[in-house]
C-alpha cells in the first residue's frame, strides 16, 4: 500500500494515441507504480490535480528484451493507467520538454 501520491503517479505517457484520446474523450494516460491499485491511483490523481475521476483502467506492460553489444538485457516492467475525468471537470495540463 503506497501512500504518497507522488510515488504512485510517475509521469504522463505522451504518445500519438494518448494525445488523440485526450482530445477526443478526455482520457489521460499515466505511468504508475507497479504495486498501485485503481483506488490508490484515483485518490492520487484527485489529490495532485484537484479533479474528480470517473474511471481508471490499468494495463501492465512487460519489459522488452534488448541486445547491448553481445549481451542480452531487458527493459523494466511497468504499469500504465488510463484515467477518465468526470464531466465538467477541468482538464489536466502537462507540458512536454522540447
Protein backbone atom coordinates (compact mmCIF):
# COMPACT_ATOMS: atom_id res chain seq x y z
CA UNK A 1 0.00 0.00 0.00
CA UNK A 2 1.63 3.20 -1.25
CA UNK A 3 0.60 6.43 0.49
CA UNK A 4 2.46 9.26 -1.27
CA UNK A 5 0.67 10.36 -4.48
CA UNK A 6 3.99 11.46 -5.98
CA UNK A 7 5.24 7.89 -5.71
CA UNK A 8 2.08 6.46 -7.29
CA UNK A 9 1.93 8.75 -10.34
CA UNK A 10 5.33 8.61 -12.03
CA UNK A 11 4.84 10.54 -15.29
CA UNK A 12 2.32 11.16 -18.07
CA UNK A 13 2.63 8.92 -21.12
CA UNK A 14 2.70 11.16 -24.19
CA UNK A 15 2.22 9.31 -27.48
CA UNK A 16 0.09 9.83 -30.57
CA UNK A 17 -2.58 7.52 -29.17
CA UNK A 18 -2.77 9.22 -25.76
CA UNK A 19 -2.83 12.69 -27.35
CA UNK A 20 -5.76 11.61 -29.55
CA UNK A 21 -7.57 10.08 -26.54
CA UNK A 22 -7.08 13.26 -24.52
CA UNK A 23 -8.52 15.42 -27.31
CA UNK A 24 -11.47 13.19 -28.20
CA UNK A 25 -12.71 11.70 -24.92
CA UNK A 26 -10.75 13.36 -22.12
CA UNK A 27 -8.81 10.22 -21.17
CA UNK A 28 -5.30 10.82 -19.83
CA UNK A 29 -2.59 8.15 -19.57
CA UNK A 30 -0.02 7.97 -16.76
CA UNK A 31 2.82 5.65 -15.87
CA UNK A 32 2.09 4.49 -12.34
CA UNK A 33 3.79 2.41 -9.66
CA UNK A 34 3.52 -1.32 -10.33
CA UNK A 35 2.09 -2.03 -6.87
CA UNK A 36 -0.65 0.61 -7.06
CA UNK A 37 -4.27 -0.43 -7.48
CA UNK A 38 -7.11 1.51 -9.13
CA UNK A 39 -8.37 3.03 -5.87
CA UNK A 40 -4.91 4.37 -4.95
CA UNK A 41 -4.43 5.75 -8.47
CA UNK A 42 -7.81 7.51 -8.33
CA UNK A 43 -7.03 9.09 -4.93
CA UNK A 44 -3.56 10.19 -6.10
CA UNK A 45 -4.93 11.89 -9.24
CA UNK A 46 -7.65 13.63 -7.24
CA UNK A 47 -5.11 14.88 -4.65
CA UNK A 48 -2.44 16.00 -7.12
CA UNK A 49 -4.63 17.66 -9.76
CA UNK A 50 -7.72 18.62 -7.69
CA UNK A 51 -10.17 16.98 -10.13
CA UNK A 52 -12.79 14.24 -9.87
CA UNK A 53 -12.00 10.92 -11.55
CA UNK A 54 -14.80 8.90 -13.15
CA UNK A 55 -12.91 5.78 -14.23
CA UNK A 56 -9.44 4.20 -14.02
CA UNK A 57 -8.29 1.40 -16.31
CA UNK A 58 -4.87 -0.17 -15.79
CA UNK A 59 -2.56 -2.15 -18.02
CA UNK A 60 0.63 -3.97 -17.01
CA UNK A 61 3.39 -3.90 -19.62
CA UNK A 62 6.23 -6.40 -19.67
CA UNK A 63 9.71 -5.18 -20.49
CA UNK A 64 11.24 -5.92 -23.87
CA UNK A 65 14.38 -7.94 -24.44
CA UNK A 66 17.15 -5.77 -25.84
CA UNK A 67 20.62 -6.52 -27.09
CA UNK A 68 23.51 -4.41 -25.78
CA UNK A 69 26.63 -5.39 -27.69
CA UNK A 70 26.85 -9.15 -27.34
CA UNK A 71 24.88 -9.20 -24.09
CA UNK A 72 21.12 -9.56 -23.81
CA UNK A 73 19.30 -7.24 -21.45
CA UNK A 74 15.71 -6.43 -20.58
CA UNK A 75 13.90 -3.15 -20.08
CA UNK A 76 11.86 -2.79 -16.90
CA UNK A 77 8.28 -3.93 -16.49
CA UNK A 78 5.87 -1.05 -15.95
CA UNK A 79 2.22 -0.23 -15.44
CA UNK A 80 0.08 2.44 -17.05
CA UNK A 81 -3.31 3.81 -16.12
CA UNK A 82 -5.92 5.39 -18.39
CA UNK A 83 -7.82 7.95 -16.31
CA UNK A 84 -11.16 9.43 -17.41
CA UNK A 85 -12.28 12.57 -15.60
CA UNK A 86 -15.86 13.33 -14.63
CA UNK A 87 -17.93 15.51 -16.95
CA UNK A 88 -17.41 19.22 -16.38
CA UNK A 89 -14.01 18.84 -14.70
CA UNK A 90 -11.09 20.98 -15.81
CA UNK A 91 -8.64 19.04 -18.00
CA UNK A 92 -5.23 18.13 -16.62
CA UNK A 93 -2.48 20.15 -18.29
CA UNK A 94 1.09 18.96 -18.60
CA UNK A 95 3.95 20.27 -20.68
CA UNK A 96 6.30 18.42 -22.98
CA UNK A 97 10.03 19.09 -22.84
CA UNK A 98 11.06 20.22 -26.30
